[in-house]
PDB file of N, CA and C in Angstrom:
ATOM      1  N   MET A   1      51.979  87.290  37.222  1.00  0.00           N
ATOM      2  CA  MET A   1      52.833  86.682  37.968  1.00  0.00           C
ATOM      3  C   MET A   1      53.653  86.692  36.615  1.00  0.00           C
ATOM      4  N   LEU A   2      52.108  85.618  36.162  1.00  0.00           N
ATOM      5  CA  LEU A   2      52.294  85.244  34.697  1.00  0.00           C
ATOM      6  C   LEU A   2      52.579  86.514  33.188  1.00  0.00           C
ATOM      7  N   LYS A   3      52.196  87.519  33.730  1.00  0.00           N
ATOM      8  CA  LYS A   3      52.362  88.722  32.968  1.00  0.00           C
ATOM      9  C   LYS A   3      54.321  89.206  32.899  1.00  0.00           C
ATOM     10  N   ASN A   4      54.316  88.613  33.812  1.00  0.00           N
ATOM     11  CA  ASN A   4      55.954  89.234  34.605  1.00  0.00           C
ATOM     12  C   ASN A   4      57.169  87.994  33.829  1.00  0.00           C
ATOM     13  N   VAL A   5      56.208  86.538  34.060  1.00  0.00           N
ATOM     14  CA  VAL A   5      57.012  85.669  33.343  1.00  0.00           C
ATOM     15  C   VAL A   5      57.649  85.758  31.676  1.00  0.00           C
ATOM     16  N   LEU A   6      56.564  86.186  31.968  1.00  0.00           N
ATOM     17  CA  LEU A   6      56.713  86.439  30.508  1.00  0.00           C
ATOM     18  C   LEU A   6      57.399  87.656  29.544  1.00  0.00           C
ATOM     19  N   LEU A   7      57.092  89.103  30.504  1.00  0.00           N
ATOM     20  CA  LEU A   7      58.130  89.582  30.095  1.00  0.00           C
ATOM     21  C   LEU A   7      59.377  90.211  30.597  1.00  0.00           C
ATOM     22  N   VAL A   8      59.369  89.188  31.569  1.00  0.00           N
ATOM     23  CA  VAL A   8      60.992  88.797  31.711  1.00  0.00           C
ATOM     24  C   VAL A   8      62.150  87.260  30.281  1.00  0.00           C
ATOM     25  N   ALA A   9      60.933  86.744  30.035  1.00  0.00           N
ATOM     26  CA  ALA A   9      60.835  85.181  28.672  1.00  0.00           C
ATOM     27  C   ALA A   9      61.362  85.961  27.545  1.00  0.00           C
ATOM     28  N   LEU A  10      60.282  87.826  27.146  1.00  0.00           N
ATOM     29  CA  LEU A  10      60.953  88.598  26.069  1.00  0.00           C
ATOM     30  C   LEU A  10      62.064  89.156  25.612  1.00  0.00           C
ATOM     31  N   GLY A  11      62.082  89.917  27.162  1.00  0.00           N
ATOM     32  CA  GLY A  11      63.870  90.158  27.530  1.00  0.00           C
ATOM     33  C   GLY A  11      64.996  89.383  26.708  1.00  0.00           C
ATOM     34  N   GLY A  12      64.172  88.178  27.968  1.00  0.00           N
ATOM     35  CA  GLY A  12      65.674  87.206  28.272  1.00  0.00           C
ATOM     36  C   GLY A  12      66.447  87.588  26.465  1.00  0.00           C
ATOM     37  N   GLY A  13      65.077  86.765  26.126  1.00  0.00           N
ATOM     38  CA  GLY A  13      65.005  86.111  24.675  1.00  0.00           C
ATOM     39  C   GLY A  13      66.004  87.348  23.308  1.00  0.00           C
ATOM     40  N   ILE A  14      65.637  89.012  23.974  1.00  0.00           N
ATOM     41  CA  ILE A  14      66.395  89.705  23.158  1.00  0.00           C
ATOM     42  C   ILE A  14      67.561  89.431  23.492  1.00  0.00           C
ATOM     43  N   GLY A  15      68.143  90.050  24.617  1.00  0.00           N
ATOM     44  CA  GLY A  15      69.000  89.675  25.436  1.00  0.00           C
ATOM     45  C   GLY A  15      69.646  88.737  24.346  1.00  0.00           C
ATOM     46  N   SER A  16      69.554  88.292  25.185  1.00  0.00           N
ATOM     47  CA  SER A  16      70.551  87.006  24.306  1.00  0.00           C
ATOM     48  C   SER A  16      70.850  86.596  22.597  1.00  0.00           C
ATOM     49  N   ALA A  17      70.151  87.117  21.807  1.00  0.00           N
ATOM     50  CA  ALA A  17      70.394  86.755  20.655  1.00  0.00           C
ATOM     51  C   ALA A  17      70.871  87.998  20.152  1.00  0.00           C
ATOM     52  N   LEU A  18      70.237  89.130  20.971  1.00  0.00           N
ATOM     53  CA  LEU A  18      71.762  90.525  20.624  1.00  0.00           C
ATOM     54  C   LEU A  18      73.248  90.261  21.233  1.00  0.00           C
ATOM     55  N   ARG A  19      73.837  89.858  22.678  1.00  0.00           N
ATOM     56  CA  ARG A  19      74.465  89.460  23.400  1.00  0.00           C
ATOM     57  C   ARG A  19      75.514  87.955  21.544  1.00  0.00           C
ATOM     58  N   TYR A  20      74.753  87.473  21.087  1.00  0.00           N
ATOM     59  CA  TYR A  20      75.289  86.380  20.576  1.00  0.00           C
ATOM     60  C   TYR A  20      76.359  87.732  19.186  1.00  0.00           C
ATOM     61  N   LEU A  21      74.387  87.619  18.316  1.00  0.00           N
ATOM     62  CA  LEU A  21      75.061  89.259  17.590  1.00  0.00           C
ATOM     63  C   LEU A  21      76.499  89.776  17.460  1.00  0.00           C
ATOM     64  N   ILE A  22      76.439  90.028  18.668  1.00  0.00           N
ATOM     65  CA  ILE A  22      77.449  91.341  19.235  1.00  0.00           C
ATOM     66  C   ILE A  22      78.679  89.837  19.143  1.00  0.00           C
ATOM     67  N   GLN A  23      78.831  88.737  20.285  1.00  0.00           N
ATOM     68  CA  GLN A  23      80.100  88.565  20.440  1.00  0.00           C
ATOM     69  C   GLN A  23      80.767  87.559  19.053  1.00  0.00           C
ATOM     70  N   GLU A  24      79.384  87.418  18.056  1.00  0.00           N
ATOM     71  CA  GLU A  24      79.977  86.959  17.371  1.00  0.00           C
ATOM     72  C   GLU A  24      80.724  87.511  15.751  1.00  0.00           C
ATOM     73  N   THR A  25      80.027  88.844  16.085  1.00  0.00           N
ATOM     74  CA  THR A  25      80.984  89.737  14.473  1.00  0.00           C
ATOM     75  C   THR A  25      81.629  89.996  15.741  1.00  0.00           C
ATOM     76  N   LEU A  26      82.106  90.219  16.500  1.00  0.00           N
ATOM     77  CA  LEU A  26      84.026  90.827  17.013  1.00  0.00           C
ATOM     78  C   LEU A  26      84.426  89.866  17.107  1.00  0.00           C
ATOM     79  N   HIS A  27      83.648  88.400  17.221  1.00  0.00           N
ATOM     80  CA  HIS A  27      84.953  87.676  16.826  1.00  0.00           C
ATOM     81  C   HIS A  27      85.293  87.175  15.453  1.00  0.00           C
ATOM     82  N   ARG A  28      84.274  86.446  14.309  1.00  0.00           N
ATOM     83  CA  ARG A  28      83.773  87.398  12.780  1.00  0.00           C
ATOM     84  C   ARG A  28      85.555  88.313  12.645  1.00  0.00           C
ATOM     85  N   GLN A  29      85.310  89.323  13.421  1.00  0.00           N
ATOM     86  CA  GLN A  29      86.199  91.111  13.446  1.00  0.00           C
ATOM     87  C   GLN A  29      87.448  90.799  13.598  1.00  0.00           C
ATOM     88  N   LEU A  30      88.010  89.923  14.543  1.00  0.00           N
ATOM     89  CA  LEU A  30      89.101  89.961  15.732  1.00  0.00           C
ATOM     90  C   LEU A  30      89.332  89.285  15.918  1.00  0.00           C
ATOM     91  N   GLU A  31      90.193  87.979  15.201  1.00  0.00           N
ATOM     92  CA  GLU A  31      90.221  85.922  14.941  1.00  0.00           C
ATOM     93  C   GLU A  31      91.614  86.621  16.865  1.00  0.00           C
ATOM     94  N   GLY A  32      90.743  85.944  17.773  1.00  0.00           N
ATOM     95  CA  GLY A  32      91.905  85.878  19.329  1.00  0.00           C
ATOM     96  C   GLY A  32      90.998  86.558  20.100  1.00  0.00           C
ATOM     97  N   PHE A  33      89.388  87.561  19.343  1.00  0.00           N
ATOM     98  CA  PHE A  33      89.445  88.081  20.500  1.00  0.00           C
ATOM     99  C   PHE A  33      88.264  87.232  22.341  1.00  0.00           C
ATOM    100  N   SER A  34      88.255  86.597  21.081  1.00  0.00           N
ATOM    101  CA  SER A  34      87.851  84.950  22.088  1.00  0.00           C
ATOM    102  C   SER A  34      86.756  85.761  23.990  1.00  0.00           C
ATOM    103  N   PRO A  35      87.304  85.913  24.657  1.00  0.00           N
ATOM    104  CA  PRO A  35      87.199  86.345  25.512  1.00  0.00           C
ATOM    105  C   PRO A  35      86.684  88.029  25.911  1.00  0.00           C
ATOM    106  N   TYR A  36      87.465  88.439  24.824  1.00  0.00           N
ATOM    107  CA  TYR A  36      86.726  90.213  25.098  1.00  0.00           C
ATOM    108  C   TYR A  36      86.030  90.299  24.285  1.00  0.00           C
ATOM    109  N   GLY A  37      84.946  89.666  24.036  1.00  0.00           N
ATOM    110  CA  GLY A  37      83.005  89.760  22.746  1.00  0.00           C
ATOM    111  C   GLY A  37      82.757  89.597  24.126  1.00  0.00           C
ATOM    112  N   THR A  38      82.857  88.713  24.828  1.00  0.00           N
ATOM    113  CA  THR A  38      82.048  89.095  26.780  1.00  0.00           C
ATOM    114  C   THR A  38      81.996  89.690  27.714  1.00  0.00           C
ATOM    115  N   PHE A  39      83.499  90.207  27.628  1.00  0.00           N
ATOM    116  CA  PHE A  39      83.644  90.913  27.919  1.00  0.00           C
ATOM    117  C   PHE A  39      83.580  93.241  28.013  1.00  0.00           C
ATOM    118  N   ILE A  40      82.579  92.795  27.065  1.00  0.00           N
ATOM    119  CA  ILE A  40      82.514  93.722  25.753  1.00  0.00           C
ATOM    120  C   ILE A  40      81.073  94.016  26.537  1.00  0.00           C
ATOM    121  N   VAL A  41      79.912  92.899  26.221  1.00  0.00           N
ATOM    122  CA  VAL A  41      78.945  92.685  26.641  1.00  0.00           C
ATOM    123  C   VAL A  41      78.367  92.554  27.419  1.00  0.00           C
ATOM    124  N   ASN A  42      80.017  92.250  28.941  1.00  0.00           N
ATOM    125  CA  ASN A  42      79.281  92.055  30.145  1.00  0.00           C
ATOM    126  C   ASN A  42      79.657  93.802  30.687  1.00  0.00           C
ATOM    127  N   MET A  43      79.956  93.849  30.064  1.00  0.00           N
ATOM    128  CA  MET A  43      80.616  95.780  30.145  1.00  0.00           C
ATOM    129  C   MET A  43      78.891  96.322  30.397  1.00  0.00           C
ATOM    130  N   LEU A  44      79.022  96.419  28.787  1.00  0.00           N
ATOM    131  CA  LEU A  44      77.266  96.763  28.670  1.00  0.00           C
ATOM    132  C   LEU A  44      75.671  97.030  30.029  1.00  0.00           C
ATOM    133  N   GLY A  45      75.845  95.609  30.095  1.00  0.00           N
ATOM    134  CA  GLY A  45      75.279  95.320  30.706  1.00  0.00           C
ATOM    135  C   GLY A  45      74.946  95.891  32.025  1.00  0.00           C
ATOM    136  N   CYS A  46      76.258  96.104  32.539  1.00  0.00           N
ATOM    137  CA  CYS A  46      76.989  96.542  33.751  1.00  0.00           C
ATOM    138  C   CYS A  46      76.056  98.443  33.234  1.00  0.00           C
ATOM    139  N   LEU A  47      76.424  98.216  32.872  1.00  0.00           N
ATOM    140  CA  LEU A  47      76.220 100.142  32.825  1.00  0.00           C
ATOM    141  C   LEU A  47      74.439 100.183  32.287  1.00  0.00           C
ATOM    142  N   PHE A  48      73.930  99.655  31.734  1.00  0.00           N
ATOM    143  CA  PHE A  48      72.626  99.484  31.082  1.00  0.00           C
ATOM    144  C   PHE A  48      71.330  98.983  32.636  1.00  0.00           C
ATOM    145  N   ILE A  49      72.083  98.085  32.954  1.00  0.00           N
ATOM    146  CA  ILE A  49      71.222  97.175  34.289  1.00  0.00           C
ATOM    147  C   ILE A  49      70.996  98.521  35.832  1.00  0.00           C
ATOM    148  N   GLY A  50      72.832  98.996  35.240  1.00  0.00           N
ATOM    149  CA  GLY A  50      72.580 100.963  36.424  1.00  0.00           C
ATOM    150  C   GLY A  50      71.608 101.853  36.064  1.00  0.00           C
ATOM    151  N   LEU A  51      72.192 102.009  34.931  1.00  0.00           N
ATOM    152  CA  LEU A  51      70.720 103.315  33.878  1.00  0.00           C
ATOM    153  C   LEU A  51      68.884 103.347  34.120  1.00  0.00           C
ATOM    154  N   PHE A  52      68.411 101.189  33.621  1.00  0.00           N
ATOM    155  CA  PHE A  52      67.816 101.371  34.323  1.00  0.00           C
ATOM    156  C   PHE A  52      66.777 100.847  35.244  1.00  0.00           C
ATOM    157  N   PHE A  53      67.728 100.444  36.475  1.00  0.00           N
ATOM    158  CA  PHE A  53      67.558 100.099  37.942  1.00  0.00           C
ATOM    159  C   PHE A  53      67.120 101.276  38.585  1.00  0.00           C
ATOM    160  N   GLY A  54      67.839 102.924  38.076  1.00  0.00           N
ATOM    161  CA  GLY A  54      67.925 104.590  38.468  1.00  0.00           C
ATOM    162  C   GLY A  54      66.539 104.779  37.901  1.00  0.00           C
ATOM    163  N   PHE A  55      66.759 104.559  36.934  1.00  0.00           N
ATOM    164  CA  PHE A  55      65.003 105.081  36.317  1.00  0.00           C
ATOM    165  C   PHE A  55      63.929 104.627  35.941  1.00  0.00           C
ATOM    166  N   LEU A  56      63.693 103.560  37.151  1.00  0.00           N
ATOM    167  CA  LEU A  56      62.885 102.318  37.547  1.00  0.00           C
ATOM    168  C   LEU A  56      63.086 102.529  39.110  1.00  0.00           C
ATOM    169  N   GLU A  57      64.019 102.969  40.026  1.00  0.00           N
ATOM    170  CA  GLU A  57      63.606 103.934  41.343  1.00  0.00           C
ATOM    171  C   GLU A  57      63.434 105.161  40.809  1.00  0.00           C
ATOM    172  N   GLN A  58      63.957 105.759  40.588  1.00  0.00           N
ATOM    173  CA  GLN A  58      63.469 107.258  40.229  1.00  0.00           C
ATOM    174  C   GLN A  58      61.505 107.279  39.771  1.00  0.00           C
ATOM    175  N   GLU A  59      61.206 106.584  39.483  1.00  0.00           N
ATOM    176  CA  GLU A  59      60.205 106.309  38.532  1.00  0.00           C
ATOM    177  C   GLU A  59      60.211 107.497  37.669  1.00  0.00           C
ATOM    178  N   LYS A  60      61.041 107.337  36.385  1.00  0.00           N
ATOM    179  CA  LYS A  60      61.467 108.246  35.886  1.00  0.00           C
ATOM    180  C   LYS A  60      61.540 107.500  34.166  1.00  0.00           C
ATOM    181  N   TYR A  61      60.497 107.360  33.353  1.00  0.00           N
ATOM    182  CA  TYR A  61      60.113 106.826  31.942  1.00  0.00           C
ATOM    183  C   TYR A  61      60.457 105.160  31.741  1.00  0.00           C
ATOM    184  N   LEU A  62      60.428 104.252  33.666  1.00  0.00           N
ATOM    185  CA  LEU A  62      59.962 103.275  33.559  1.00  0.00           C
ATOM    186  C   LEU A  62      58.815 103.047  34.290  1.00  0.00           C
ATOM    187  N   SER A  63      58.208 102.239  33.496  1.00  0.00           N
ATOM    188  CA  SER A  63      57.093 101.122  34.121  1.00  0.00           C
ATOM    189  C   SER A  63      57.648 100.461  35.165  1.00  0.00           C
ATOM    190  N   GLU A  64      56.925  99.703  36.059  1.00  0.00           N
ATOM    191  CA  GLU A  64      57.306  98.002  37.625  1.00  0.00           C
ATOM    192  C   GLU A  64      57.769  96.789  36.194  1.00  0.00           C
ATOM    193  N   SER A  65      56.969  97.289  35.249  1.00  0.00           N
ATOM    194  CA  SER A  65      56.795  96.142  34.192  1.00  0.00           C
ATOM    195  C   SER A  65      57.732  96.252  33.537  1.00  0.00           C
ATOM    196  N   SER A  66      58.383  97.211  32.868  1.00  0.00           N
ATOM    197  CA  SER A  66      59.179  97.316  31.945  1.00  0.00           C
ATOM    198  C   SER A  66      60.868  97.368  32.561  1.00  0.00           C
ATOM    199  N   GLY A  67      60.314  97.588  33.667  1.00  0.00           N
ATOM    200  CA  GLY A  67      61.587  97.493  34.453  1.00  0.00           C
ATOM    201  C   GLY A  67      61.716  95.560  34.484  1.00  0.00           C
ATOM    202  N   ILE A  68      60.881  95.069  34.811  1.00  0.00           N
ATOM    203  CA  ILE A  68      60.946  93.637  34.479  1.00  0.00           C
ATOM    204  C   ILE A  68      61.157  93.083  33.196  1.00  0.00           C
ATOM    205  N   LEU A  69      60.990  93.718  31.864  1.00  0.00           N
ATOM    206  CA  LEU A  69      60.724  93.489  30.967  1.00  0.00           C
ATOM    207  C   LEU A  69      63.165  93.440  30.456  1.00  0.00           C
ATOM    208  N   LEU A  70      63.250  94.910  30.553  1.00  0.00           N
ATOM    209  CA  LEU A  70      64.507  95.242  31.100  1.00  0.00           C
ATOM    210  C   LEU A  70      65.715  95.156  31.667  1.00  0.00           C
ATOM    211  N   ILE A  71      65.043  94.851  32.862  1.00  0.00           N
ATOM    212  CA  ILE A  71      66.544  94.010  34.150  1.00  0.00           C
ATOM    213  C   ILE A  71      66.510  92.883  34.219  1.00  0.00           C
ATOM    214  N   GLY A  72      65.294  92.528  34.455  1.00  0.00           N
ATOM    215  CA  GLY A  72      65.355  90.782  34.770  1.00  0.00           C
ATOM    216  C   GLY A  72      65.168  90.460  33.070  1.00  0.00           C
ATOM    217  N   GLY A  73      64.833  91.192  32.316  1.00  0.00           N
ATOM    218  CA  GLY A  73      64.035  90.053  30.763  1.00  0.00           C
ATOM    219  C   GLY A  73      66.117  89.970  30.804  1.00  0.00           C
ATOM    220  N   PHE A  74      65.949  91.048  29.765  1.00  0.00           N
ATOM    221  CA  PHE A  74      66.216  91.335  28.606  1.00  0.00           C
ATOM    222  C   PHE A  74      67.364  91.871  29.531  1.00  0.00           C
ATOM    223  N   CYS A  75      68.896  92.814  30.301  1.00  0.00           N
ATOM    224  CA  CYS A  75      69.623  92.621  30.834  1.00  0.00           C
ATOM    225  C   CYS A  75      70.791  91.137  31.928  1.00  0.00           C
ATOM    226  N   GLY A  76      69.806  90.955  31.827  1.00  0.00           N
ATOM    227  CA  GLY A  76      69.067  88.694  32.466  1.00  0.00           C
ATOM    228  C   GLY A  76      69.504  88.422  31.163  1.00  0.00           C
ATOM    229  N   GLY A  77      69.362  88.520  29.914  1.00  0.00           N
ATOM    230  CA  GLY A  77      69.788  87.837  28.724  1.00  0.00           C
ATOM    231  C   GLY A  77      70.990  88.289  28.343  1.00  0.00           C
ATOM    232  N   PHE A  78      71.201  89.283  28.292  1.00  0.00           N
ATOM    233  CA  PHE A  78      71.468  89.619  27.721  1.00  0.00           C
ATOM    234  C   PHE A  78      74.088  90.139  28.255  1.00  0.00           C
ATOM    235  N   THR A  79      73.688  89.697  29.539  1.00  0.00           N
ATOM    236  CA  THR A  79      75.161  89.342  30.432  1.00  0.00           C
ATOM    237  C   THR A  79      74.915  87.917  30.286  1.00  0.00           C
ATOM    238  N   THR A  80      76.651  87.643  30.496  1.00  0.00           N
ATOM    239  CA  THR A  80      76.655  86.375  31.046  1.00  0.00           C
ATOM    240  C   THR A  80      77.081  86.083  31.613  1.00  0.00           C
ATOM    241  N   PHE A  81      77.347  85.752  33.460  1.00  0.00           N
ATOM    242  CA  PHE A  81      78.545  85.098  34.029  1.00  0.00           C
ATOM    243  C   PHE A  81      78.339  84.166  33.940  1.00  0.00           C
ATOM    244  N   SER A  82      78.151  83.182  33.349  1.00  0.00           N
ATOM    245  CA  SER A  82      78.455  81.474  32.385  1.00  0.00           C
ATOM    246  C   SER A  82      80.269  81.907  31.988  1.00  0.00           C
ATOM    247  N   THR A  83      79.923  81.874  30.390  1.00  0.00           N
ATOM    248  CA  THR A  83      80.849  82.339  29.533  1.00  0.00           C
ATOM    249  C   THR A  83      81.819  83.027  30.341  1.00  0.00           C
ATOM    250  N   PHE A  84      81.330  84.735  31.467  1.00  0.00           N
ATOM    251  CA  PHE A  84      82.896  84.901  31.465  1.00  0.00           C
ATOM    252  C   PHE A  84      83.608  83.852  32.330  1.00  0.00           C
ATOM    253  N   ALA A  85      82.683  82.786  33.893  1.00  0.00           N
ATOM    254  CA  ALA A  85      82.897  81.812  34.635  1.00  0.00           C
ATOM    255  C   ALA A  85      83.964  81.125  33.071  1.00  0.00           C
ATOM    256  N   MET A  86      83.767  80.232  32.686  1.00  0.00           N
ATOM    257  CA  MET A  86      83.975  79.544  31.633  1.00  0.00           C
ATOM    258  C   MET A  86      85.892  79.919  31.358  1.00  0.00           C
ATOM    259  N   GLN A  87      85.178  81.255  30.310  1.00  0.00           N
ATOM    260  CA  GLN A  87      86.443  81.765  29.486  1.00  0.00           C
ATOM    261  C   GLN A  87      87.987  81.857  31.124  1.00  0.00           C
ATOM    262  N   GLY A  88      87.518  82.878  31.857  1.00  0.00           N
ATOM    263  CA  GLY A  88      88.253  83.012  32.377  1.00  0.00           C
ATOM    264  C   GLY A  88      89.131  82.139  33.406  1.00  0.00           C
ATOM    265  N   GLN A  89      88.617  80.409  33.375  1.00  0.00           N
ATOM    266  CA  GLN A  89      89.324  79.785  33.939  1.00  0.00           C
ATOM    267  C   GLN A  89      89.600  78.456  32.642  1.00  0.00           C
ATOM    268  N   GLY A  90      88.935  79.132  31.484  1.00  0.00           N
ATOM    269  CA  GLY A  90      90.821  78.205  31.084  1.00  0.00           C
ATOM    270  C   GLY A  90      91.756  79.245  30.117  1.00  0.00           C
ATOM    271  N   MET A  91      91.379  80.772  30.216  1.00  0.00           N
ATOM    272  CA  MET A  91      92.207  81.300  30.539  1.00  0.00           C
ATOM    273  C   MET A  91      93.313  81.261  31.691  1.00  0.00           C
ATOM    274  N   LEU A  92      93.307  81.022  32.546  1.00  0.00           N
ATOM    275  CA  LEU A  92      93.597  80.622  32.565  1.00  0.00           C
ATOM    276  C   LEU A  92      95.422  79.713  33.448  1.00  0.00           C
ATOM    277  N   ALA A  93      95.254  78.236  32.603  1.00  0.00           N
ATOM    278  CA  ALA A  93      96.271  77.614  32.376  1.00  0.00           C
ATOM    279  C   ALA A  93      97.053  78.074  31.105  1.00  0.00           C
ATOM    280  N   GLU A  94      96.588  78.481  30.427  1.00  0.00           N
ATOM    281  CA  GLU A  94      97.321  79.589  29.284  1.00  0.00           C
ATOM    282  C   GLU A  94      97.671  80.300  29.406  1.00  0.00           C
ATOM    283  N   LYS A  95      97.196  81.406  29.884  1.00  0.00           N
ATOM    284  CA  LYS A  95      97.619  83.414  29.841  1.00  0.00           C
ATOM    285  C   LYS A  95      96.889  83.415  31.483  1.00  0.00           C
ATOM    286  N   PRO A  96      97.960  83.117  32.629  1.00  0.00           N
ATOM    287  CA  PRO A  96      97.262  83.355  33.791  1.00  0.00           C
ATOM    288  C   PRO A  96      96.954  84.394  34.241  1.00  0.00           C
ATOM    289  N   LEU A  97      97.932  85.750  33.786  1.00  0.00           N
ATOM    290  CA  LEU A  97      98.862  86.725  34.209  1.00  0.00           C
ATOM    291  C   LEU A  97      97.033  87.974  33.397  1.00  0.00           C
ATOM    292  N   GLN A  98      97.171  87.532  32.087  1.00  0.00           N
ATOM    293  CA  GLN A  98      96.286  87.910  30.784  1.00  0.00           C
ATOM    294  C   GLN A  98      94.452  87.334  31.475  1.00  0.00           C
ATOM    295  N   ALA A  99      94.610  85.939  31.808  1.00  0.00           N
ATOM    296  CA  ALA A  99      93.593  86.004  32.785  1.00  0.00           C
ATOM    297  C   ALA A  99      92.645  86.200  34.110  1.00  0.00           C
ATOM    298  N   LEU A 100      93.953  86.409  34.958  1.00  0.00           N
ATOM    299  CA  LEU A 100      93.548  87.633  36.559  1.00  0.00           C
ATOM    300  C   LEU A 100      93.599  88.700  35.997  1.00  0.00           C
ATOM    301  N   ILE A 101      93.798  89.569  35.284  1.00  0.00           N
ATOM    302  CA  ILE A 101      93.286  90.904  34.666  1.00  0.00           C
ATOM    303  C   ILE A 101      92.438  90.297  34.034  1.00  0.00           C
ATOM    304  N   TYR A 102      91.734  89.599  33.545  1.00  0.00           N
ATOM    305  CA  TYR A 102      90.630  90.191  32.730  1.00  0.00           C
ATOM    306  C   TYR A 102      89.400  89.838  33.824  1.00  0.00           C
ATOM    307  N   LEU A 103      89.699  88.871  34.243  1.00  0.00           N
ATOM    308  CA  LEU A 103      88.350  87.916  36.047  1.00  0.00           C
ATOM    309  C   LEU A 103      88.949  89.990  36.577  1.00  0.00           C
ATOM    310  N   ALA A 104      89.516  90.725  37.126  1.00  0.00           N
ATOM    311  CA  ALA A 104      89.518  91.471  37.970  1.00  0.00           C
ATOM    312  C   ALA A 104      89.684  93.200  37.536  1.00  0.00           C
ATOM    313  N   LEU A 105      89.539  93.191  36.045  1.00  0.00           N
ATOM    314  CA  LEU A 105      89.088  94.189  35.527  1.00  0.00           C
ATOM    315  C   LEU A 105      87.488  93.782  34.876  1.00  0.00           C
ATOM    316  N   SER A 106      87.085  92.709  34.937  1.00  0.00           N
ATOM    317  CA  SER A 106      85.442  92.338  34.289  1.00  0.00           C
ATOM    318  C   SER A 106      85.158  92.442  35.987  1.00  0.00           C
ATOM    319  N   VAL A 107      85.346  92.215  36.785  1.00  0.00           N
ATOM    320  CA  VAL A 107      84.178  93.015  38.280  1.00  0.00           C
ATOM    321  C   VAL A 107      84.304  94.192  38.289  1.00  0.00           C
ATOM    322  N   VAL A 108      85.215  94.710  38.274  1.00  0.00           N
ATOM    323  CA  VAL A 108      86.144  96.028  38.934  1.00  0.00           C
ATOM    324  C   VAL A 108      85.350  97.243  38.434  1.00  0.00           C
ATOM    325  N   LEU A 109      85.249  97.475  36.760  1.00  0.00           N
ATOM    326  CA  LEU A 109      85.286  97.569  35.877  1.00  0.00           C
ATOM    327  C   LEU A 109      83.084  97.171  36.435  1.00  0.00           C
ATOM    328  N   GLY A 110      83.104  96.239  35.510  1.00  0.00           N
ATOM    329  CA  GLY A 110      81.370  96.281  35.885  1.00  0.00           C
ATOM    330  C   GLY A 110      81.003  96.581  37.254  1.00  0.00           C
ATOM    331  N   ILE A 111      81.130  96.242  38.498  1.00  0.00           N
ATOM    332  CA  ILE A 111      80.440  97.323  39.613  1.00  0.00           C
ATOM    333  C   ILE A 111      80.619  98.336  38.563  1.00  0.00           C
ATOM    334  N   LEU A 112      81.754  99.574  38.147  1.00  0.00           N
ATOM    335  CA  LEU A 112      82.264 100.765  38.374  1.00  0.00           C
ATOM    336  C   LEU A 112      80.635 101.378  37.567  1.00  0.00           C
ATOM    337  N   LEU A 113      80.858 100.565  36.583  1.00  0.00           N
ATOM    338  CA  LEU A 113      79.513 100.860  35.510  1.00  0.00           C
ATOM    339  C   LEU A 113      78.451 101.375  35.646  1.00  0.00           C
ATOM    340  N   ALA A 114      77.648  99.816  36.065  1.00  0.00           N
ATOM    341  CA  ALA A 114      76.768  99.629  37.216  1.00  0.00           C
ATOM    342  C   ALA A 114      76.581 101.178  38.101  1.00  0.00           C
ATOM    343  N   TYR A 115      77.409 101.670  39.122  1.00  0.00           N
ATOM    344  CA  TYR A 115      77.472 103.143  39.308  1.00  0.00           C
ATOM    345  C   TYR A 115      77.164 103.507  38.715  1.00  0.00           C
ATOM    346  N   ALA A 116      78.543 104.371  37.715  1.00  0.00           N
ATOM    347  CA  ALA A 116      78.240 104.852  36.720  1.00  0.00           C
ATOM    348  C   ALA A 116      76.535 105.524  35.712  1.00  0.00           C
ATOM    349  N   GLY A 117      75.854 103.287  35.748  1.00  0.00           N
ATOM    350  CA  GLY A 117      74.573 103.854  34.998  1.00  0.00           C
ATOM    351  C   GLY A 117      74.020 104.041  36.232  1.00  0.00           C
ATOM    352  N   LEU A 118      74.002 104.202  37.125  1.00  0.00           N
ATOM    353  CA  LEU A 118      73.043 104.135  37.671  1.00  0.00           C
ATOM    354  C   LEU A 118      73.521 105.730  38.567  1.00  0.00           C
ATOM    355  N   LYS A 119      74.196 106.225  38.664  1.00  0.00           N
ATOM    356  CA  LYS A 119      74.689 107.815  38.577  1.00  0.00           C
ATOM    357  C   LYS A 119      73.595 109.049  37.223  1.00  0.00           C
ATOM    358  N   LEU A 120      74.004 108.514  35.927  1.00  0.00           N
ATOM    359  CA  LEU A 120      74.281 109.130  34.672  1.00  0.00           C
ATOM    360  C   LEU A 120      71.951 108.950  34.597  1.00  0.00           C
ATOM    361  N   SER A 121      71.812 107.979  34.946  1.00  0.00           N
ATOM    362  CA  SER A 121      69.696 107.655  35.596  1.00  0.00           C
ATOM    363  C   SER A 121      69.284 109.265  36.266  1.00  0.00           C
ATOM    364  N   ALA A 122      70.447 109.879  36.352  1.00  0.00           N
ATOM    365  CA  ALA A 122      70.005 110.995  37.548  1.00  0.00           C
ATOM    366  C   ALA A 122      70.149 112.345  36.950  1.00  0.00           C
ATOM    367  N   LYS A 123      70.945 112.033  35.080  1.00  0.00           N
ATOM    368  CA  LYS A 123      70.920 113.482  35.178  1.00  0.00           C
ATOM    369  C   LYS A 123      70.443 113.283  33.729  1.00  0.00           C
ATOM    370  N   ILE A 124      69.273 112.091  33.195  1.00  0.00           N
ATOM    371  CA  ILE A 124      68.887 112.257  32.012  1.00  0.00           C
ATOM    372  C   ILE A 124      67.288 112.267  32.379  1.00  0.00           C
TER     373      ILE A 124
END
């Protein structure tokens, strides 16, 4: 149990740091890109979790411990539902149509990317 907690903590720390670096880089490079840094990170996370879960399910490339590190830890720290929710509600007041597109696209594309990652894992 303690080993799994430490794996989640390690993966989560790495995922959170990488998310921060990607979002900050996008914010500096593209002014006004605020919610879309979160969008890109969350979409990558959906693809990654599909791949990692598929590898784990097929017992290909990942052990149970590496699955805990990557799925529970890395993907959990890398993606951010709370930031997505906060940015979405903030956009609703200022740009309702853009907010609805952002929210709907995040959910639908996220599910499709997780599915694509799962299917891609079978081909790798």
